[in-house]
Amino acid sequence: MLVLARKESESIVIGENIIVKVISIDKGVVKIGIDAPLHISIVRTELLEDVKDSNIAAAKETNTSALNVLSKLIKK
């Protein structure tokens, strides 16, 4: 991991077309702006974790009776 120190209004460039800029620093909170092409997905880590946890929970709650019906339909 590369660790850089930046002051407010300073930025870094990733590759040729992604710019990360420090917008403000206030009470221990750093606000950043990310300028990237539309095809680049930018997602907060906690949202990815929530989706992952939801998928795991849904997989554990499988409805076995529905699976049995589906299995019978496929065998026909």
N, C-alpha and C. Protein backbone atom coordinates (compact mmCIF):
# COMPACT_ATOMS: atom_id res chain seq x y z
N MET A 1 0.85 -1.17 0.00
CA MET A 1 0.00 0.00 0.00
C MET A 1 0.89 1.24 0.00
N LEU A 2 0.58 2.13 -0.88
CA LEU A 2 1.28 3.42 -0.93
C LEU A 2 0.55 4.39 -0.02
N VAL A 3 1.26 5.04 0.88
CA VAL A 3 0.67 6.01 1.78
C VAL A 3 1.27 7.38 1.46
N LEU A 4 0.38 8.33 1.18
CA LEU A 4 0.82 9.68 0.84
C LEU A 4 0.17 10.68 1.79
N ALA A 5 0.88 11.73 2.12
CA ALA A 5 0.33 12.83 2.90
C ALA A 5 -0.09 13.94 1.93
N ARG A 6 -1.28 14.41 2.06
CA ARG A 6 -1.78 15.49 1.22
C ARG A 6 -2.44 16.53 2.10
N LYS A 7 -2.34 17.79 1.71
CA LYS A 7 -3.02 18.88 2.40
C LYS A 7 -4.31 19.19 1.65
N GLU A 8 -5.15 19.97 2.28
CA GLU A 8 -6.41 20.37 1.65
C GLU A 8 -6.13 21.01 0.28
N SER A 9 -6.93 20.64 -0.70
CA SER A 9 -6.84 21.10 -2.10
C SER A 9 -5.74 20.42 -2.89
N GLU A 10 -4.93 19.57 -2.27
CA GLU A 10 -3.92 18.84 -3.02
C GLU A 10 -4.53 17.54 -3.55
N SER A 11 -3.93 17.00 -4.58
CA SER A 11 -4.49 15.80 -5.20
C SER A 11 -3.39 14.84 -5.62
N ILE A 12 -3.82 13.65 -6.01
CA ILE A 12 -2.92 12.67 -6.60
C ILE A 12 -3.57 12.15 -7.87
N VAL A 13 -2.74 11.65 -8.77
CA VAL A 13 -3.24 11.10 -10.03
C VAL A 13 -2.93 9.61 -10.04
N ILE A 14 -3.94 8.81 -10.38
CA ILE A 14 -3.77 7.36 -10.49
C ILE A 14 -3.92 7.01 -11.97
N GLY A 15 -2.90 6.37 -12.50
CA GLY A 15 -2.92 6.08 -13.94
C GLY A 15 -2.89 7.39 -14.70
N GLU A 16 -3.65 7.42 -15.80
CA GLU A 16 -3.67 8.63 -16.62
C GLU A 16 -4.93 9.46 -16.43
N ASN A 17 -5.97 8.87 -15.80
CA ASN A 17 -7.24 9.59 -15.82
C ASN A 17 -8.06 9.49 -14.53
N ILE A 18 -7.43 9.18 -13.41
CA ILE A 18 -8.14 9.18 -12.13
C ILE A 18 -7.45 10.17 -11.20
N ILE A 19 -8.21 11.14 -10.71
CA ILE A 19 -7.67 12.16 -9.82
C ILE A 19 -8.40 12.08 -8.49
N VAL A 20 -7.63 11.99 -7.41
CA VAL A 20 -8.19 11.98 -6.06
C VAL A 20 -7.73 13.27 -5.39
N LYS A 21 -8.70 14.08 -4.96
CA LYS A 21 -8.37 15.39 -4.39
C LYS A 21 -8.93 15.51 -2.98
N VAL A 22 -8.13 16.05 -2.08
CA VAL A 22 -8.60 16.32 -0.72
C VAL A 22 -9.44 17.59 -0.78
N ILE A 23 -10.72 17.45 -0.48
CA ILE A 23 -11.65 18.58 -0.55
C ILE A 23 -11.61 19.40 0.74
N SER A 24 -11.70 18.69 1.87
CA SER A 24 -11.65 19.39 3.16
C SER A 24 -11.23 18.43 4.26
N ILE A 25 -10.74 19.04 5.34
CA ILE A 25 -10.36 18.28 6.53
C ILE A 25 -10.99 19.03 7.70
N ASP A 26 -11.86 18.32 8.45
CA ASP A 26 -12.56 18.98 9.55
C ASP A 26 -12.85 17.97 10.66
N LYS A 27 -12.34 18.24 11.83
CA LYS A 27 -12.59 17.41 13.02
C LYS A 27 -12.30 15.93 12.78
N GLY A 28 -11.18 15.65 12.17
CA GLY A 28 -10.78 14.27 11.95
C GLY A 28 -11.45 13.59 10.77
N VAL A 29 -12.24 14.31 10.01
CA VAL A 29 -12.91 13.76 8.83
C VAL A 29 -12.29 14.37 7.58
N VAL A 30 -11.85 13.51 6.68
CA VAL A 30 -11.28 13.96 5.42
C VAL A 30 -12.29 13.72 4.32
N LYS A 31 -12.66 14.75 3.61
CA LYS A 31 -13.56 14.62 2.46
C LYS A 31 -12.70 14.61 1.20
N ILE A 32 -12.92 13.60 0.36
CA ILE A 32 -12.15 13.51 -0.88
C ILE A 32 -13.10 13.54 -2.07
N GLY A 33 -12.57 14.01 -3.16
CA GLY A 33 -13.28 13.98 -4.43
C GLY A 33 -12.52 13.08 -5.38
N ILE A 34 -13.26 12.29 -6.15
CA ILE A 34 -12.63 11.37 -7.10
C ILE A 34 -13.17 11.68 -8.48
N ASP A 35 -12.27 12.02 -9.38
CA ASP A 35 -12.62 12.28 -10.77
C ASP A 35 -12.09 11.12 -11.60
N ALA A 36 -13.02 10.32 -12.14
CA ALA A 36 -12.64 9.12 -12.89
C ALA A 36 -13.61 8.93 -14.05
N PRO A 37 -13.19 8.20 -15.07
CA PRO A 37 -14.09 7.90 -16.19
C PRO A 37 -15.34 7.15 -15.71
N LEU A 38 -16.42 7.28 -16.44
CA LEU A 38 -17.69 6.66 -16.04
C LEU A 38 -17.61 5.14 -15.95
N HIS A 39 -16.74 4.51 -16.72
CA HIS A 39 -16.67 3.05 -16.69
C HIS A 39 -15.92 2.51 -15.47
N ILE A 40 -15.36 3.40 -14.67
CA ILE A 40 -14.67 3.01 -13.45
C ILE A 40 -15.68 3.01 -12.31
N SER A 41 -15.83 1.86 -11.65
CA SER A 41 -16.76 1.74 -10.53
C SER A 41 -16.08 2.23 -9.25
N ILE A 42 -16.76 3.11 -8.52
CA ILE A 42 -16.25 3.62 -7.26
C ILE A 42 -17.31 3.32 -6.20
N VAL A 43 -16.97 2.44 -5.26
CA VAL A 43 -17.93 2.01 -4.24
C VAL A 43 -17.25 2.04 -2.88
N ARG A 44 -17.98 2.52 -1.88
CA ARG A 44 -17.44 2.53 -0.51
C ARG A 44 -17.34 1.09 -0.01
N THR A 45 -16.28 0.81 0.70
CA THR A 45 -16.00 -0.54 1.20
C THR A 45 -17.15 -1.07 2.06
N GLU A 46 -17.72 -0.21 2.91
CA GLU A 46 -18.78 -0.70 3.80
C GLU A 46 -20.02 -1.14 3.02
N LEU A 47 -20.26 -0.54 1.85
CA LEU A 47 -21.39 -0.99 1.03
C LEU A 47 -21.12 -2.36 0.43
N LEU A 48 -19.89 -2.59 -0.01
CA LEU A 48 -19.52 -3.91 -0.53
C LEU A 48 -19.67 -4.97 0.55
N GLU A 49 -19.27 -4.64 1.77
CA GLU A 49 -19.40 -5.58 2.89
C GLU A 49 -20.87 -5.88 3.18
N ASP A 50 -21.73 -4.85 3.12
CA ASP A 50 -23.16 -5.06 3.35
C ASP A 50 -23.76 -6.00 2.31
N VAL A 51 -23.41 -5.81 1.06
CA VAL A 51 -23.91 -6.67 -0.01
C VAL A 51 -23.42 -8.10 0.19
N LYS A 52 -22.15 -8.23 0.53
CA LYS A 52 -21.59 -9.56 0.76
C LYS A 52 -22.31 -10.26 1.90
N ASP A 53 -22.53 -9.54 3.01
CA ASP A 53 -23.22 -10.12 4.16
C ASP A 53 -24.66 -10.49 3.82
N SER A 54 -25.33 -9.65 3.04
CA SER A 54 -26.70 -9.95 2.62
C SER A 54 -26.76 -11.20 1.75
N ASN A 55 -25.80 -11.33 0.86
CA ASN A 55 -25.76 -12.52 0.00
C ASN A 55 -25.51 -13.78 0.81
N ILE A 56 -24.64 -13.71 1.79
CA ILE A 56 -24.37 -14.86 2.64
C ILE A 56 -25.62 -15.24 3.44
N ALA A 57 -26.31 -14.23 3.99
CA ALA A 57 -27.52 -14.49 4.76
C ALA A 57 -28.61 -15.10 3.87
N ALA A 58 -28.74 -14.59 2.65
CA ALA A 58 -29.76 -15.11 1.74
C ALA A 58 -29.45 -16.55 1.35
N ALA A 59 -28.19 -16.86 1.19
CA ALA A 59 -27.80 -18.22 0.83
C ALA A 59 -28.13 -19.19 1.97
N LYS A 60 -28.02 -18.74 3.20
CA LYS A 60 -28.32 -19.59 4.35
C LYS A 60 -29.82 -19.81 4.53
N GLU A 61 -30.63 -18.90 3.99
CA GLU A 61 -32.08 -18.97 4.15
C GLU A 61 -32.77 -19.62 2.95
N THR A 62 -32.09 -20.51 2.28
CA THR A 62 -32.69 -21.12 1.10
C THR A 62 -33.93 -21.89 1.47
N ASN A 63 -34.93 -21.78 0.64
CA ASN A 63 -36.20 -22.46 0.84
C ASN A 63 -36.09 -23.84 0.20
N THR A 64 -35.90 -24.87 1.02
CA THR A 64 -35.68 -26.21 0.48
C THR A 64 -36.90 -26.75 -0.24
N SER A 65 -38.10 -26.37 0.18
CA SER A 65 -39.29 -26.86 -0.52
C SER A 65 -39.36 -26.28 -1.93
N ALA A 66 -38.98 -25.04 -2.09
CA ALA A 66 -38.96 -24.44 -3.43
C ALA A 66 -37.91 -25.11 -4.29
N LEU A 67 -36.78 -25.46 -3.69
CA LEU A 67 -35.73 -26.16 -4.44
C LEU A 67 -36.21 -27.55 -4.85
N ASN A 68 -36.95 -28.22 -4.00
CA ASN A 68 -37.48 -29.54 -4.34
C ASN A 68 -38.46 -29.47 -5.52
N VAL A 69 -39.33 -28.47 -5.51
CA VAL A 69 -40.27 -28.29 -6.62
C VAL A 69 -39.52 -28.01 -7.90
N LEU A 70 -38.54 -27.14 -7.84
CA LEU A 70 -37.74 -26.81 -9.01
C LEU A 70 -37.00 -28.05 -9.52
N SER A 71 -36.46 -28.83 -8.61
CA SER A 71 -35.75 -30.04 -8.99
C SER A 71 -36.67 -31.01 -9.72
N LYS A 72 -37.91 -31.16 -9.24
CA LYS A 72 -38.88 -32.04 -9.88
C LYS A 72 -39.25 -31.53 -11.27
N LEU A 73 -39.37 -30.24 -11.42
CA LEU A 73 -39.69 -29.66 -12.74
C LEU A 73 -38.57 -29.90 -13.74
N ILE A 74 -37.34 -29.80 -13.26
CA ILE A 74 -36.20 -29.98 -14.14
C ILE A 74 -36.10 -31.44 -14.60
N LYS A 75 -36.45 -32.38 -13.73
CA LYS A 75 -36.35 -33.81 -14.04
C LYS A 75 -37.42 -34.25 -15.05
N LYS A 76 -38.48 -33.48 -15.23
CA LYS A 76 -39.56 -33.89 -16.15
C LYS A 76 -39.13 -33.87 -17.57
